[in-house]
Amino acid sequence: MTPSIAAAKARLRSVMRKRLASVPAGERNAKSALVAEAIARLDVVREAGCLLLHRALPSEVATEGVFDAALARGQRVFAPRVDGSRLTFLQIARDTCWRRSTMGMLEPEAGDALALGGLRTVLLMPGLAFDERGRRLGRGGGHYDRFLREARRQGGGIVAIAMAFELQIVADVPREAHDELVDGVVTEARVIGITALRGEPSPSEE
């Protein structure tokens, strides 16, 4: 990482953490519900064989509604667990037991590990900041970038969709070659990204 990009990322992380911390709980819950409703309308999500979804931190878009809707649809749902430098996804159910990681995130204690390939997979992912070109700024661990890079290398058509508040959309996110792009971003106000995320044909499909 070049010093200038590292510094730009650090500055943006600081700004976004302050923005997220300033949102009242009631407003955050209301906007999270709108994000969940928008995600539930996406054909690419409803038709996914596997849905990969995290348990949100208090400042992030809440994911409980998305979990409940996916399980009600009968989808296979997987949640991430950090194992060293790797992000492992384990299948969860309504009675899954959770543990708190050293980073403060809730992770499944046990479950069948995700095997990529075969079923269409959608990754719903968090982040601190995003731009309209699909650039994402995470919290600095690189876990999602490494997982997504490997998943895309293996093929199988994984689709990466970020969940965010509109206040997390910025003009430009600093990016390096190892930073993976997302296919779309869903906020309480809009869907940013490929037309297929809206259930519409892309220009190549018309």
Protein backbone atom coordinates (compact mmCIF):
# COMPACT_ATOMS: atom_id res chain seq x y z
CA MET A 1 0.00 0.00 0.00
CA THR A 2 1.39 3.39 -0.97
CA PRO A 3 1.62 5.93 1.89
CA SER A 4 -0.72 8.38 0.15
CA ILE A 5 -3.48 5.81 -0.35
CA ALA A 6 -3.02 4.45 3.16
CA ALA A 7 -3.39 7.96 4.57
CA ALA A 8 -6.46 8.65 2.44
CA LYS A 9 -8.08 5.43 3.61
CA ALA A 10 -7.30 6.22 7.24
CA ARG A 11 -8.82 9.70 6.91
CA LEU A 12 -11.97 8.35 5.26
CA ARG A 13 -12.36 5.62 7.88
CA SER A 14 -12.20 8.23 10.61
CA VAL A 15 -14.80 10.41 8.89
CA MET A 16 -17.18 7.50 8.26
CA ARG A 17 -16.94 6.14 11.81
CA LYS A 18 -17.94 9.57 13.11
CA ARG A 19 -20.82 9.81 10.63
CA LEU A 20 -22.15 6.39 11.57
CA ALA A 21 -21.79 7.05 15.29
CA SER A 22 -23.85 10.24 14.93
CA VAL A 23 -26.95 8.44 13.61
CA PRO A 24 -29.63 8.01 16.33
CA ALA A 25 -30.73 4.43 16.98
CA GLY A 26 -34.30 5.11 15.86
CA GLU A 27 -33.19 6.58 12.55
CA ARG A 28 -30.74 3.74 12.01
CA ASN A 29 -33.45 1.13 12.61
CA ALA A 30 -35.91 2.86 10.27
CA LYS A 31 -33.35 3.14 7.48
CA SER A 32 -32.22 -0.46 8.04
CA ALA A 33 -35.80 -1.61 7.50
CA LEU A 34 -35.91 0.24 4.17
CA VAL A 35 -32.64 -1.40 3.10
CA ALA A 36 -34.02 -4.84 4.03
CA GLU A 37 -37.19 -4.17 2.00
CA ALA A 38 -35.14 -3.08 -1.02
CA ILE A 39 -32.97 -6.19 -0.81
CA ALA A 40 -36.05 -8.42 -0.57
CA ARG A 41 -37.29 -6.99 -3.89
CA LEU A 42 -34.13 -7.93 -5.79
CA ASP A 43 -34.58 -10.96 -8.04
CA VAL A 44 -30.90 -11.81 -7.73
CA VAL A 45 -31.33 -12.14 -3.95
CA ARG A 46 -34.66 -13.98 -3.94
CA GLU A 47 -33.41 -16.49 -6.50
CA ALA A 48 -30.04 -17.17 -4.86
CA GLY A 49 -29.35 -20.72 -3.75
CA CYS A 50 -26.94 -19.51 -1.06
CA LEU A 51 -27.05 -16.19 0.76
CA LEU A 52 -23.96 -15.03 2.67
CA LEU A 53 -24.81 -12.52 5.36
CA HIS A 54 -23.13 -11.02 8.44
CA ARG A 55 -24.46 -10.07 11.86
CA ALA A 56 -24.21 -6.29 11.89
CA LEU A 57 -22.30 -4.12 14.32
CA PRO A 58 -24.47 -1.54 16.17
CA SER A 59 -23.47 1.26 13.80
CA GLU A 60 -24.13 -0.73 10.61
CA VAL A 61 -27.27 -1.48 8.64
CA ALA A 62 -29.14 -4.03 10.75
CA THR A 63 -29.40 -7.47 9.12
CA GLU A 64 -31.97 -9.28 11.28
CA GLY A 65 -34.79 -8.60 8.82
CA VAL A 66 -32.75 -9.91 5.90
CA PHE A 67 -31.86 -13.05 7.86
CA ASP A 68 -35.51 -13.69 8.72
CA ALA A 69 -36.72 -13.17 5.15
CA ALA A 70 -34.06 -15.48 3.70
CA LEU A 71 -34.80 -18.27 6.17
CA ALA A 72 -38.54 -17.86 5.52
CA ARG A 73 -37.87 -18.30 1.77
CA GLY A 74 -36.07 -21.54 2.56
CA GLN A 75 -32.70 -20.34 1.34
CA ARG A 76 -29.42 -21.68 2.60
CA VAL A 77 -27.95 -18.87 4.69
CA PHE A 78 -24.30 -18.65 5.76
CA ALA A 79 -22.63 -16.25 8.19
CA PRO A 80 -18.93 -15.34 8.34
CA ARG A 81 -16.41 -16.35 10.95
CA VAL A 82 -12.85 -15.02 11.04
CA ASP A 83 -10.31 -17.82 11.25
CA GLY A 84 -6.89 -16.19 11.26
CA SER A 85 -6.62 -14.27 8.00
CA ARG A 86 -9.44 -16.23 6.38
CA LEU A 87 -13.14 -15.54 6.30
CA THR A 88 -15.07 -18.80 6.60
CA PHE A 89 -18.82 -18.96 6.01
CA LEU A 90 -20.86 -21.43 8.09
CA GLN A 91 -24.48 -22.38 7.49
CA ILE A 92 -26.87 -20.98 10.09
CA ALA A 93 -30.43 -21.66 11.25
CA ARG A 94 -32.85 -19.98 13.66
CA ASP A 95 -31.33 -21.91 16.58
CA THR A 96 -27.68 -21.22 15.70
CA CYS A 97 -25.44 -20.40 18.68
CA TRP A 98 -23.33 -17.28 18.29
CA ARG A 99 -20.06 -16.13 19.83
CA ARG A 100 -18.42 -12.71 20.05
CA SER A 101 -15.18 -12.43 18.11
CA THR A 102 -12.10 -10.52 19.27
CA MET A 103 -13.20 -7.80 16.81
CA GLY A 104 -16.58 -7.53 18.52
CA MET A 105 -18.60 -9.25 15.79
CA LEU A 106 -21.08 -12.08 16.30
CA GLU A 107 -19.99 -15.29 14.57
CA PRO A 108 -21.60 -18.74 14.39
CA GLU A 109 -20.02 -21.22 16.79
CA ALA A 110 -20.55 -24.12 14.39
CA GLY A 111 -22.18 -25.08 11.11
CA ASP A 112 -21.51 -26.68 7.75
CA ALA A 113 -18.89 -24.75 5.79
CA LEU A 114 -19.80 -23.12 2.50
CA ALA A 115 -18.66 -24.93 -0.62
CA LEU A 116 -18.56 -22.53 -3.56
CA GLY A 117 -19.85 -23.64 -6.91
CA GLY A 118 -23.11 -25.17 -8.04
CA LEU A 119 -25.73 -22.95 -6.42
CA ARG A 120 -25.92 -19.28 -7.29
CA THR A 121 -24.43 -17.35 -4.39
CA VAL A 122 -25.09 -13.79 -3.25
CA LEU A 123 -22.79 -12.10 -0.74
CA LEU A 124 -24.40 -9.27 1.24
CA MET A 125 -21.53 -7.41 2.80
CA PRO A 126 -20.78 -4.47 5.12
CA GLY A 127 -18.27 -1.66 4.77
CA LEU A 128 -17.54 1.86 5.89
CA ALA A 129 -17.74 3.78 2.59
CA PHE A 130 -18.68 3.15 -1.03
CA ASP A 131 -18.79 5.07 -4.28
CA GLU A 132 -20.94 4.73 -7.39
CA ARG A 133 -18.23 2.78 -9.25
CA GLY A 134 -18.40 -0.12 -6.80
CA ARG A 135 -15.36 0.80 -4.75
CA ARG A 136 -15.57 -0.23 -1.11
CA LEU A 137 -13.67 0.80 2.02
CA GLY A 138 -13.72 -1.87 4.71
CA ARG A 139 -12.45 -1.74 8.26
CA GLY A 140 -8.90 -2.61 7.28
CA GLY A 141 -8.62 -6.36 7.83
CA GLY A 142 -8.94 -7.30 4.16
CA HIS A 143 -11.01 -10.41 4.97
CA TYR A 144 -13.83 -9.73 2.53
CA ASP A 145 -11.42 -8.74 -0.25
CA ARG A 146 -9.50 -12.00 0.11
CA PHE A 147 -12.66 -14.09 0.24
CA LEU A 148 -14.26 -12.36 -2.74
CA ARG A 149 -11.09 -12.56 -4.82
CA GLU A 150 -10.85 -16.31 -4.25
CA ALA A 151 -14.56 -16.85 -4.87
CA ARG A 152 -14.40 -14.97 -8.17
CA ARG A 153 -11.27 -16.87 -9.16
CA GLN A 154 -13.12 -20.14 -8.66
CA GLY A 155 -16.04 -18.99 -10.80
CA GLY A 156 -19.62 -19.95 -10.05
CA GLY A 157 -21.12 -16.49 -10.43
CA ILE A 158 -20.94 -15.00 -6.95
CA VAL A 159 -22.65 -11.59 -6.73
CA ALA A 160 -21.40 -9.10 -4.12
CA ILE A 161 -23.92 -6.54 -2.87
CA ALA A 162 -23.10 -4.04 -0.15
CA MET A 163 -25.62 -2.89 2.46
CA ALA A 164 -25.16 0.74 3.44
CA PHE A 165 -26.79 3.95 4.52
CA GLU A 166 -26.92 6.75 1.97
CA LEU A 167 -24.54 8.77 4.16
CA GLN A 168 -21.86 6.15 3.43
CA ILE A 169 -21.86 6.93 -0.29
CA VAL A 170 -18.97 9.24 -1.18
CA ALA A 171 -17.61 10.70 -4.41
CA ASP A 172 -14.48 8.57 -4.48
CA VAL A 173 -13.12 5.69 -2.38
CA PRO A 174 -9.32 5.24 -2.45
CA ARG A 175 -8.54 1.90 -4.07
CA GLU A 176 -5.59 -0.38 -4.75
CA ALA A 177 -5.33 -3.38 -7.05
CA HIS A 178 -6.13 -5.87 -4.27
CA ASP A 179 -9.35 -4.06 -3.27
CA GLU A 180 -12.29 -5.94 -4.78
CA LEU A 181 -15.22 -4.06 -6.33
CA VAL A 182 -18.80 -4.79 -5.33
CA ASP A 183 -21.46 -5.43 -7.96
CA GLY A 184 -23.95 -3.10 -6.32
CA VAL A 185 -24.86 -1.13 -3.22
CA VAL A 186 -28.30 -1.00 -1.62
CA THR A 187 -29.15 1.97 0.60
CA GLU A 188 -32.40 3.21 2.10
CA ALA A 189 -32.77 5.53 -0.91
CA ARG A 190 -31.61 3.59 -3.99
CA VAL A 191 -29.91 0.64 -5.62
CA ILE A 192 -26.54 1.49 -7.12
CA GLY A 193 -25.01 -0.87 -9.63
CA ILE A 194 -25.81 -3.25 -12.42
CA THR A 195 -29.36 -3.30 -13.78
CA ALA A 196 -29.62 -7.02 -13.04
CA LEU A 197 -29.77 -6.14 -9.34
CA ARG A 198 -33.12 -4.48 -9.99
CA GLY A 199 -34.52 -7.51 -11.78
CA GLU A 200 -34.16 -5.80 -15.15
CA PRO A 201 -32.29 -7.14 -18.20
CA SER A 202 -28.85 -5.76 -18.77
CA PRO A 203 -28.15 -4.18 -22.18
CA SER A 204 -26.48 -7.41 -23.34
CA GLU A 205 -29.59 -9.41 -22.47
CA GLU A 206 -32.10 -7.25 -24.34
